């Protein structure tokens, strides 16, 4: 398994640079890498307890691959494969596929890193590759959004790196285990950097503009997997250190609620999806033991939604309510919305129930409130008017789109079997009540009201100021919890 791991880690980078030499094979090579990742991710489910690889033991440089890694790797694999298939018939250059597959490989690396320095390198490569993909259209707007993303990402990673150095000074090791016993400022800087990188709570307010203004396939990658590279280490920390569990629980629930509130004030479809990502990442962080399945459910649904919304005649939801969309687009839009809302029969149902089952005693009421808000949000897509276009040919018109959506939706159905224990009468009734309340609120209240949310909070200077204030608050929170 060690050899397979090394080959799997190195392959995306070798293939990524080889695409420049073999540009005509860019699509098959990129898709082939995802197939190797699929095999590796599935194989981890058959490794009880996982395994580690000690690269530089004296410095604590270690890789750790386990069941948690498997869920996140599987998410990255399916979303990246769907994006490659979606872009297959388009005129995307070899440069696009090179960056996409390097991004895929660097994100995978974050899911098996067990030391701070390897994670730092992987996250920096993620940031550079994501920057290049966001800037790919080379318009003035995408260039500014990409530079804005890169600056915030690098600022966050500077915080993180200082924290990692402080951990090393304390233990002479970069291993994650060094977080226990490290100075409060080290823990705070590391967590603060990862909260920003992962788009959690107020540190993630850079996320809506970045994800909504990128091209649809890039938005699918950003919301589906890129932000999880920052969330995954936080989940790992919480599982390793019980002292950090309450902090992650509070930040996760706060993000789940903030994201829903922020999304309810949006009328742009892509901004709704982007703000919802802020909320769904909160769910992943709030209950670490159930993070893997929820990450998969969110990645599949969000990638489906972004790819579909990119093909709608408009991004303006009030306008879409006035003009019917094609039924062929409404079907995947509805299925993904139902999954992320927790509807039975799709993976979102089991992931939400597994999360609520493993939650701390005080969390379920607040998470159920966030679930109602999620149902309200996605009812906007479910109840869009639609009609069948006689010229609407599902496969020949946009084959890349339909094959990509088929892969993602098929995975939503298959992954539903990961937690069959969720299918009890009580759970079914509970979920249907939450959905019913959310849908009624959407029909009776949301469509009749217009509440704006100040976008000034997303201004560049305010984002940096917000990160600083969040860091100050985090110092107090970390100090309080570690002192208990």
Protein backbone atom coordinates (compact mmCIF):
# COMPACT_ATOMS: atom_id res chain seq x y z
CA UNK A 1 0.00 0.00 0.00
CA UNK A 2 2.95 2.30 0.61
CA UNK A 3 4.08 2.06 -3.03
CA UNK A 4 0.52 2.63 -4.24
CA UNK A 5 0.32 5.73 -2.03
CA UNK A 6 3.55 7.21 -3.39
CA UNK A 7 2.53 6.53 -7.01
CA UNK A 8 -0.92 7.99 -6.37
CA UNK A 9 0.55 11.16 -4.85
CA UNK A 10 3.15 11.75 -7.56
CA UNK A 11 1.03 10.78 -10.58
CA UNK A 12 -1.14 13.97 -10.84
CA UNK A 13 1.97 16.17 -10.96
CA UNK A 14 3.76 13.98 -13.52
CA UNK A 15 0.65 13.84 -15.69
CA UNK A 16 -0.05 17.55 -15.21
CA UNK A 17 3.32 18.56 -16.62
CA UNK A 18 3.21 15.80 -19.27
CA UNK A 19 0.03 17.34 -20.67
CA UNK A 20 2.18 20.18 -22.03
CA UNK A 21 4.18 17.62 -24.01
CA UNK A 22 1.08 15.71 -25.14
CA UNK A 23 -1.64 18.39 -25.41
CA UNK A 24 -3.88 16.20 -27.59
CA UNK A 25 -4.15 13.73 -24.73
CA UNK A 26 -4.99 16.33 -22.09
CA UNK A 27 -8.53 15.09 -21.42
CA UNK A 28 -7.83 11.31 -21.35
CA UNK A 29 -4.76 11.85 -19.15
CA UNK A 30 -6.66 14.03 -16.71
CA UNK A 31 -9.54 11.58 -16.52
CA UNK A 32 -7.11 8.68 -16.09
CA UNK A 33 -5.63 10.31 -12.99
CA UNK A 34 -9.07 10.53 -11.41
CA UNK A 35 -9.62 6.82 -12.07
CA UNK A 36 -6.42 6.02 -10.16
CA UNK A 37 -7.62 8.25 -7.32
CA UNK A 38 -10.95 6.45 -7.34
CA UNK A 39 -9.20 3.10 -6.94
CA UNK A 40 -7.02 4.46 -4.14
CA UNK A 41 -9.91 6.07 -2.27
CA UNK A 42 -12.00 2.90 -2.40
CA UNK A 43 -9.02 0.78 -1.29
CA UNK A 44 -8.71 2.87 1.90
CA UNK A 45 -12.14 1.69 3.03
CA UNK A 46 -10.65 -1.80 3.22
CA UNK A 47 -7.74 -0.71 5.43
CA UNK A 48 -8.97 -1.11 9.04
CA UNK A 49 -7.52 1.67 11.15
CA UNK A 50 -5.63 3.09 8.18
CA UNK A 51 -1.83 3.27 7.97
CA UNK A 52 0.93 5.86 8.18
CA UNK A 53 4.15 6.46 6.26
CA UNK A 54 7.00 8.11 8.13
CA UNK A 55 9.01 10.17 5.65
CA UNK A 56 11.28 12.17 7.98
CA UNK A 57 10.63 10.77 11.41
CA UNK A 58 13.07 13.10 13.18
CA UNK A 59 10.99 16.07 12.03
CA UNK A 60 7.62 14.38 12.40
CA UNK A 61 6.94 14.46 8.63
CA UNK A 62 4.31 11.76 8.25
CA UNK A 63 1.47 10.70 5.97
CA UNK A 64 -1.71 9.23 7.44
CA UNK A 65 -4.34 7.56 5.25
CA UNK A 66 -7.49 6.25 6.91
CA UNK A 67 -11.27 6.05 6.57
CA UNK A 68 -11.66 9.81 7.02
CA UNK A 69 -9.16 10.42 4.22
CA UNK A 70 -11.06 7.99 2.00
CA UNK A 71 -14.31 9.98 2.13
CA UNK A 72 -12.59 13.24 1.20
CA UNK A 73 -10.46 11.63 -1.52
CA UNK A 74 -13.57 10.07 -3.02
CA UNK A 75 -15.27 13.48 -3.04
CA UNK A 76 -12.29 15.07 -4.79
CA UNK A 77 -12.14 12.25 -7.33
CA UNK A 78 -15.81 12.35 -8.36
CA UNK A 79 -16.03 16.15 -8.55
CA UNK A 80 -12.79 16.48 -10.56
CA UNK A 81 -13.84 13.67 -12.92
CA UNK A 82 -17.21 15.35 -13.48
CA UNK A 83 -15.51 18.68 -14.27
CA UNK A 84 -13.14 17.02 -16.76
CA UNK A 85 -16.07 15.29 -18.46
CA UNK A 86 -18.11 18.52 -18.47
CA UNK A 87 -15.28 20.44 -20.16
CA UNK A 88 -14.42 17.63 -22.61
CA UNK A 89 -16.40 18.98 -25.61
CA UNK A 90 -15.36 22.60 -24.93
CA UNK A 91 -12.36 24.51 -26.18
CA UNK A 92 -10.51 24.46 -22.86
CA UNK A 93 -6.75 24.45 -23.44
CA UNK A 94 -4.16 22.00 -22.13
CA UNK A 95 -3.25 24.65 -19.54
CA UNK A 96 -6.71 24.31 -17.95
CA UNK A 97 -6.42 20.53 -17.60
CA UNK A 98 -2.87 20.84 -16.28
CA UNK A 99 -3.99 23.16 -13.49
CA UNK A 100 -7.11 21.10 -12.77
CA UNK A 101 -5.14 17.90 -12.31
CA UNK A 102 -2.37 19.59 -10.27
CA UNK A 103 -5.15 21.03 -8.10
CA UNK A 104 -6.60 17.53 -7.77
CA UNK A 105 -3.27 16.08 -6.67
CA UNK A 106 -2.47 18.83 -4.18
CA UNK A 107 -5.92 18.59 -2.59
CA UNK A 108 -5.49 14.83 -2.26
CA UNK A 109 -2.17 15.45 -0.52
CA UNK A 110 -3.88 17.60 2.14
CA UNK A 111 -6.14 14.66 2.98
CA UNK A 112 -3.25 12.39 4.02
CA UNK A 113 -0.81 14.89 5.54
CA UNK A 114 -0.20 14.37 9.25
CA UNK A 115 2.36 17.12 9.77
CA UNK A 116 2.23 20.89 9.49
CA UNK A 117 5.03 21.45 6.98
CA UNK A 118 3.75 18.95 4.37
CA UNK A 119 0.27 20.40 4.79
CA UNK A 120 1.65 23.91 4.28
CA UNK A 121 3.29 22.94 0.98
CA UNK A 122 0.15 21.16 -0.24
CA UNK A 123 -2.12 24.09 0.67
CA UNK A 124 0.16 26.58 -1.07
CA UNK A 125 0.03 24.52 -4.28
CA UNK A 126 -3.77 24.35 -3.91
CA UNK A 127 -3.87 28.15 -3.66
CA UNK A 128 -1.71 28.71 -6.74
CA UNK A 129 -3.59 26.19 -8.91
CA UNK A 130 -6.98 27.57 -7.79
CA UNK A 131 -5.76 31.12 -8.55
CA UNK A 132 -4.77 30.13 -12.09
CA UNK A 133 -8.12 28.41 -12.72
CA UNK A 134 -10.13 31.38 -11.42
CA UNK A 135 -8.09 33.72 -13.65
CA UNK A 136 -8.34 31.38 -16.67
CA UNK A 137 -10.84 33.54 -18.66
CA UNK A 138 -8.43 36.50 -18.21
CA UNK A 139 -11.17 39.10 -17.98
CA UNK A 140 -10.64 42.12 -15.75
CA UNK A 141 -13.15 40.82 -13.22
CA UNK A 142 -11.82 37.26 -12.96
CA UNK A 143 -8.25 38.53 -12.70
CA UNK A 144 -9.20 40.79 -9.79
CA UNK A 145 -11.20 38.04 -8.07
CA UNK A 146 -8.29 35.61 -8.54
CA UNK A 147 -5.72 38.08 -7.16
CA UNK A 148 -8.03 38.85 -4.24
CA UNK A 149 -8.32 35.12 -3.51
CA UNK A 150 -4.55 34.63 -3.75
CA UNK A 151 -3.77 37.51 -1.39
CA UNK A 152 -6.27 36.34 1.26
CA UNK A 153 -5.05 32.76 0.89
CA UNK A 154 -1.42 33.77 1.30
CA UNK A 155 -2.23 35.94 4.32
CA UNK A 156 -4.02 33.00 5.94
CA UNK A 157 -1.10 30.69 5.20
CA UNK A 158 1.33 33.19 6.72
CA UNK A 159 -0.62 32.95 9.99
CA UNK A 160 -0.55 29.18 9.67
CA UNK A 161 3.20 29.00 8.96
CA UNK A 162 4.08 31.11 12.00
CA UNK A 163 1.95 28.79 14.13
CA UNK A 164 3.64 25.72 12.63
CA UNK A 165 7.09 27.15 13.44
CA UNK A 166 6.02 27.79 17.03
CA UNK A 167 4.89 24.16 17.32
CA UNK A 168 8.28 23.01 16.03
CA UNK A 169 10.10 25.23 18.50
CA UNK A 170 8.13 23.60 21.31
CA UNK A 171 8.43 19.93 20.29
CA UNK A 172 11.16 19.87 17.59
CA UNK A 173 8.56 18.17 15.42
CA UNK A 174 6.02 19.24 12.80
CA UNK A 175 3.66 16.35 13.57
CA UNK A 176 -0.01 17.17 14.20
CA UNK A 177 0.37 15.55 17.63
CA UNK A 178 2.55 18.53 18.58
CA UNK A 179 -0.59 20.64 18.76
CA UNK A 180 -1.13 19.23 22.25
CA UNK A 181 1.12 21.15 24.59
CA UNK A 182 1.91 23.88 22.03
CA UNK A 183 1.61 27.56 23.01
CA UNK A 184 -1.84 29.11 22.73
CA UNK A 185 -0.63 31.51 20.03
CA UNK A 186 0.61 28.58 17.91
CA UNK A 187 -2.73 26.77 18.08
CA UNK A 188 -4.60 30.00 17.39
CA UNK A 189 -2.54 30.99 14.34
CA UNK A 190 -2.82 27.51 12.82
CA UNK A 191 -6.56 27.28 13.38
CA UNK A 192 -7.09 30.89 12.24
CA UNK A 193 -5.23 30.27 8.98
CA UNK A 194 -7.17 27.09 8.26
CA UNK A 195 -10.52 28.70 9.11
CA UNK A 196 -9.82 31.35 6.46
CA UNK A 197 -8.52 28.84 3.93
CA UNK A 198 -11.56 26.62 4.50
CA UNK A 199 -14.12 29.45 4.43
CA UNK A 200 -15.53 29.00 7.94
CA UNK A 201 -17.71 31.63 9.69
CA UNK A 202 -16.66 35.30 9.28
CA UNK A 203 -13.19 34.23 8.11
CA UNK A 204 -14.88 32.77 5.03
CA UNK A 205 -16.67 35.88 3.75
CA UNK A 206 -14.21 35.96 0.85
CA UNK A 207 -15.98 32.87 -0.45
CA UNK A 208 -19.28 34.18 -1.99
CA UNK A 209 -17.68 36.55 -4.52
CA UNK A 210 -14.89 34.17 -5.46
CA UNK A 211 -17.11 31.14 -6.03
CA UNK A 212 -19.89 33.05 -7.78
CA UNK A 213 -17.69 34.93 -10.26
CA UNK A 214 -15.54 32.00 -11.39
CA UNK A 215 -16.57 29.89 -14.40
CA UNK A 216 -19.13 27.23 -13.51
CA UNK A 217 -16.74 24.22 -13.68
CA UNK A 218 -14.22 26.14 -11.57
CA UNK A 219 -16.97 27.08 -9.11
CA UNK A 220 -17.82 23.37 -8.88
CA UNK A 221 -14.20 22.60 -7.96
CA UNK A 222 -13.92 25.49 -5.50
CA UNK A 223 -17.14 24.74 -3.61
CA UNK A 224 -17.04 20.99 -4.08
CA UNK A 225 -13.48 20.23 -2.95
CA UNK A 226 -11.01 23.15 -2.69
CA UNK A 227 -12.42 24.61 0.54
CA UNK A 228 -12.40 21.13 2.09
CA UNK A 229 -8.61 21.20 1.93
CA UNK A 230 -8.75 23.80 4.71
CA UNK A 231 -11.54 22.14 6.67
CA UNK A 232 -10.07 18.61 6.68
CA UNK A 233 -7.10 19.39 8.97
CA UNK A 234 -9.46 21.10 11.44
CA UNK A 235 -11.59 17.95 11.51
CA UNK A 236 -8.44 15.88 12.04
CA UNK A 237 -7.35 18.15 14.93
CA UNK A 238 -10.74 17.85 16.62
CA UNK A 239 -10.62 14.07 16.41
CA UNK A 240 -7.08 14.02 17.81
CA UNK A 241 -7.56 16.55 20.63
CA UNK A 242 -10.74 16.43 22.69
CA UNK A 243 -9.87 19.88 24.04
CA UNK A 244 -10.53 21.38 20.60
CA UNK A 245 -13.84 19.61 19.99
CA UNK A 246 -16.01 22.27 21.72
CA UNK A 247 -14.27 25.07 19.78
CA UNK A 248 -14.82 23.36 16.43
CA UNK A 249 -18.41 22.60 17.40
CA UNK A 250 -19.14 26.26 18.15
CA UNK A 251 -17.41 27.55 15.01
CA UNK A 252 -19.13 24.95 12.86
CA UNK A 253 -22.64 25.68 14.12
CA UNK A 254 -22.02 29.44 13.86
CA UNK A 255 -20.89 29.02 10.25
CA UNK A 256 -23.89 26.79 9.45
CA UNK A 257 -26.28 29.50 10.65
CA UNK A 258 -24.39 32.48 9.21
CA UNK A 259 -24.17 30.88 5.77
CA UNK A 260 -27.91 30.20 5.67
CA UNK A 261 -28.79 33.75 6.77
CA UNK A 262 -26.39 35.21 4.22
CA UNK A 263 -27.76 33.00 1.44
CA UNK A 264 -31.39 33.88 2.21
CA UNK A 265 -30.59 37.50 1.38
CA UNK A 266 -29.28 36.68 -2.12
CA UNK A 267 -31.15 36.68 -5.42
CA UNK A 268 -28.24 35.63 -7.65
CA UNK A 269 -28.34 31.83 -8.05
CA UNK A 270 -24.57 31.37 -7.94
CA UNK A 271 -24.25 33.59 -4.86
CA UNK A 272 -26.97 31.55 -3.14
CA UNK A 273 -24.93 28.41 -3.83
CA UNK A 274 -21.69 30.04 -2.72
CA UNK A 275 -23.17 31.33 0.55
CA UNK A 276 -24.72 27.92 1.12
CA UNK A 277 -21.23 26.42 0.89
CA UNK A 278 -20.27 28.59 3.87
CA UNK A 279 -23.14 26.95 5.77
CA UNK A 280 -22.45 23.38 4.65
CA UNK A 281 -18.79 23.64 5.61
CA UNK A 282 -20.02 24.53 9.07
CA UNK A 283 -21.92 21.22 9.21
CA UNK A 284 -18.72 19.35 8.31
CA UNK A 285 -16.71 21.06 11.06
CA UNK A 286 -19.45 21.00 13.71
CA UNK A 287 -19.50 17.20 14.05
CA UNK A 288 -16.07 15.74 13.10
CA UNK A 289 -17.01 12.04 13.53
CA UNK A 290 -19.56 12.37 10.69
CA UNK A 291 -17.53 14.78 8.52
CA UNK A 292 -16.53 12.30 5.82
CA UNK A 293 -19.98 11.30 4.59
CA UNK A 294 -21.28 14.87 4.83
CA UNK A 295 -18.29 16.14 2.80
CA UNK A 296 -19.09 13.62 0.05
CA UNK A 297 -22.79 14.52 0.03
CA UNK A 298 -22.06 18.23 -0.15
CA UNK A 299 -19.39 17.91 -2.85
CA UNK A 300 -21.61 15.85 -5.16
CA UNK A 301 -24.65 18.08 -4.76
CA UNK A 302 -22.81 21.39 -4.98
CA UNK A 303 -20.87 20.37 -8.10
CA UNK A 304 -24.15 19.30 -9.73
CA UNK A 305 -25.80 22.59 -8.84
CA UNK A 306 -22.98 24.81 -10.10
CA UNK A 307 -22.66 22.91 -13.40
CA UNK A 308 -26.42 23.10 -13.94
CA UNK A 309 -26.86 26.75 -12.93
CA UNK A 310 -24.11 27.67 -15.38
CA UNK A 311 -26.42 26.53 -18.18
CA UNK A 312 -29.57 28.37 -17.07
CA UNK A 313 -30.76 31.35 -19.14
CA UNK A 314 -30.21 33.68 -16.17
CA UNK A 315 -28.65 33.75 -12.71
CA UNK A 316 -31.37 36.04 -11.35
CA UNK A 317 -33.86 33.96 -9.32
CA UNK A 318 -36.80 36.43 -9.58
CA UNK A 319 -36.40 36.37 -13.35
CA UNK A 320 -36.18 32.57 -13.43
CA UNK A 321 -39.50 32.44 -11.56
CA UNK A 322 -41.07 34.34 -14.45
CA UNK A 323 -39.67 32.30 -17.35
CA UNK A 324 -39.77 28.47 -17.37
CA UNK A 325 -36.45 26.67 -17.67
CA UNK A 326 -35.87 23.48 -19.60
CA UNK A 327 -37.12 20.39 -17.79
CA UNK A 328 -33.86 18.63 -18.62
CA UNK A 329 -32.04 21.24 -16.51
CA UNK A 330 -34.71 21.34 -13.82
CA UNK A 331 -34.40 17.59 -13.10
CA UNK A 332 -30.69 17.58 -12.01
CA UNK A 333 -31.21 20.95 -10.30
CA UNK A 334 -34.04 19.45 -8.26
CA UNK A 335 -32.29 16.17 -7.45
CA UNK A 336 -29.19 17.97 -6.18
CA UNK A 337 -31.33 20.43 -4.20
CA UNK A 338 -33.26 17.55 -2.64
CA UNK A 339 -30.04 15.79 -1.68
CA UNK A 340 -28.46 18.81 -0.03
CA UNK A 341 -31.77 19.46 1.76
CA UNK A 342 -31.70 15.91 3.17
CA UNK A 343 -34.47 14.24 1.14
CA UNK A 344 -34.71 10.42 1.55
CA UNK A 345 -33.28 8.30 -1.24
CA UNK A 346 -30.20 10.47 -1.77
CA UNK A 347 -26.91 10.65 0.12
CA UNK A 348 -27.81 13.98 1.72
CA UNK A 349 -30.43 12.24 3.85
CA UNK A 350 -28.01 9.82 5.49
CA UNK A 351 -25.27 12.42 5.88
CA UNK A 352 -27.53 14.84 7.76
CA UNK A 353 -28.93 12.13 10.02
CA UNK A 354 -25.45 10.76 10.74
CA UNK A 355 -24.29 14.27 11.63
CA UNK A 356 -27.22 14.91 13.97
CA UNK A 357 -26.78 11.49 15.61
CA UNK A 358 -23.10 12.16 16.43
CA UNK A 359 -23.67 15.79 17.48
CA UNK A 360 -23.13 17.15 20.98
CA UNK A 361 -26.32 17.47 23.07
CA UNK A 362 -26.69 21.23 22.50
CA UNK A 363 -26.10 21.13 18.73
CA UNK A 364 -29.20 19.40 17.19
CA UNK A 365 -31.70 22.27 17.82
CA UNK A 366 -29.40 24.79 16.11
CA UNK A 367 -28.47 22.41 13.29
CA UNK A 368 -32.15 21.60 12.72
CA UNK A 369 -32.77 25.34 12.44
CA UNK A 370 -29.99 25.53 9.86
CA UNK A 371 -31.58 22.53 8.09
CA UNK A 372 -34.89 24.41 7.82
CA UNK A 373 -33.01 27.37 6.36
CA UNK A 374 -31.33 25.03 3.85
CA UNK A 375 -34.74 23.67 2.83
CA UNK A 376 -35.94 27.26 2.28
CA UNK A 377 -32.90 28.04 0.15
CA UNK A 378 -33.16 25.06 -2.15
CA UNK A 379 -36.92 25.25 -2.48
CA UNK A 380 -36.14 28.25 -4.69
CA UNK A 381 -34.61 25.85 -7.21
CA UNK A 382 -37.02 22.95 -6.69
CA UNK A 383 -40.11 25.07 -7.40
CA UNK A 384 -38.79 26.93 -10.43
CA UNK A 385 -41.26 26.74 -13.34
CA UNK A 386 -40.12 24.46 -16.11
CA UNK A 387 -41.28 23.09 -19.43
CA UNK A 388 -40.09 20.51 -21.90
CA UNK A 389 -38.49 21.99 -24.98
CA UNK A 390 -39.22 20.00 -28.14
CA UNK A 391 -35.70 20.77 -29.27
CA UNK A 392 -34.31 19.69 -25.92
CA UNK A 393 -32.19 16.63 -26.67
CA UNK A 394 -30.64 15.35 -23.45
CA UNK A 395 -27.47 13.85 -24.90
CA UNK A 396 -26.64 15.41 -28.24
CA UNK A 397 -27.06 19.09 -27.25
CA UNK A 398 -24.54 19.14 -24.39
CA UNK A 399 -23.06 15.67 -23.97
CA UNK A 400 -20.37 16.81 -21.54
CA UNK A 401 -22.95 18.30 -19.19
CA UNK A 402 -25.22 15.25 -19.15
CA UNK A 403 -22.45 12.70 -18.65
CA UNK A 404 -20.98 14.79 -15.83
CA UNK A 405 -24.37 15.18 -14.16
CA UNK A 406 -25.07 11.49 -14.64
CA UNK A 407 -21.85 10.62 -12.79
CA UNK A 408 -22.61 12.97 -9.89
CA UNK A 409 -26.28 12.05 -9.50
CA UNK A 410 -25.50 8.35 -9.83
CA UNK A 411 -22.94 8.73 -7.03
CA UNK A 412 -25.58 10.49 -4.88
CA UNK A 413 -27.88 7.50 -5.24
CA UNK A 414 -25.19 4.84 -4.69
CA UNK A 415 -23.64 6.64 -1.69
CA UNK A 416 -27.08 6.71 -0.10
CA UNK A 417 -26.37 3.14 0.99
CA UNK A 418 -23.50 4.28 3.24
CA UNK A 419 -25.87 4.79 6.18
CA UNK A 420 -28.96 2.66 5.76
CA UNK A 421 -29.53 2.88 9.51
CA UNK A 422 -30.92 6.37 8.95
CA UNK A 423 -34.08 4.90 7.42
CA UNK A 424 -36.32 4.71 10.44
CA UNK A 425 -39.90 5.95 10.62
CA UNK A 426 -38.97 8.64 13.16
CA UNK A 427 -36.15 9.95 10.98
CA UNK A 428 -38.30 9.98 7.85
CA UNK A 429 -41.05 11.92 9.61
CA UNK A 430 -38.54 14.37 11.09
CA UNK A 431 -36.88 15.11 7.75
CA UNK A 432 -40.18 15.47 5.91
CA UNK A 433 -41.41 17.93 8.57
CA UNK A 434 -38.23 20.00 8.22
CA UNK A 435 -38.57 20.03 4.44
CA UNK A 436 -42.28 20.83 4.61
CA UNK A 437 -41.71 23.78 6.94
CA UNK A 438 -38.87 25.05 4.76
CA UNK A 439 -40.89 24.79 1.56
CA UNK A 440 -43.89 26.55 3.11
CA UNK A 441 -41.68 29.37 4.36
CA UNK A 442 -40.20 29.74 0.90
CA UNK A 443 -43.61 29.93 -0.79
CA UNK A 444 -45.30 32.18 1.76
CA UNK A 445 -42.47 34.37 2.95
CA UNK A 446 -39.25 34.37 0.96
CA UNK A 447 -40.77 35.07 -2.45
CA UNK A 448 -42.70 38.01 -0.97
CA UNK A 449 -39.82 39.68 0.83
CA UNK A 450 -36.62 41.33 -0.28
CA UNK A 451 -33.94 41.62 2.37
CA UNK A 452 -30.51 42.73 1.31
CA UNK A 453 -27.33 41.85 3.15
CA UNK A 454 -24.58 44.50 3.20
CA UNK A 455 -21.90 43.44 0.74
CA UNK A 456 -19.52 45.87 2.37
CA UNK A 457 -18.41 42.99 4.59
CA UNK A 458 -16.99 41.36 1.44
CA UNK A 459 -14.89 44.41 0.52
CA UNK A 460 -11.21 43.57 0.39
CA UNK A 461 -10.13 45.87 3.22
CA UNK A 462 -13.00 44.69 5.41
CA UNK A 463 -12.07 41.06 4.79
CA UNK A 464 -8.55 41.65 6.06
CA UNK A 465 -9.90 43.60 9.04
CA UNK A 466 -12.41 40.85 9.74
CA UNK A 467 -9.65 38.22 9.66
CA UNK A 468 -7.70 40.25 12.24
CA UNK A 469 -10.72 40.61 14.54
CA UNK A 470 -11.50 36.91 14.16
CA UNK A 471 -7.93 36.11 15.12
CA UNK A 472 -8.22 38.21 18.28
CA UNK A 473 -11.48 36.46 19.24
CA UNK A 474 -9.88 33.11 18.45
CA UNK A 475 -7.00 33.84 20.81
CA UNK A 476 -9.50 34.26 23.62
CA UNK A 477 -11.54 31.18 22.66
CA UNK A 478 -8.54 28.87 22.25
CA UNK A 479 -7.01 30.11 25.49
CA UNK A 480 -10.28 29.54 27.35
CA UNK A 481 -10.85 26.00 26.05
CA UNK A 482 -7.26 24.80 26.42
CA UNK A 483 -7.19 26.10 29.97
CA UNK A 484 -10.21 23.97 30.96
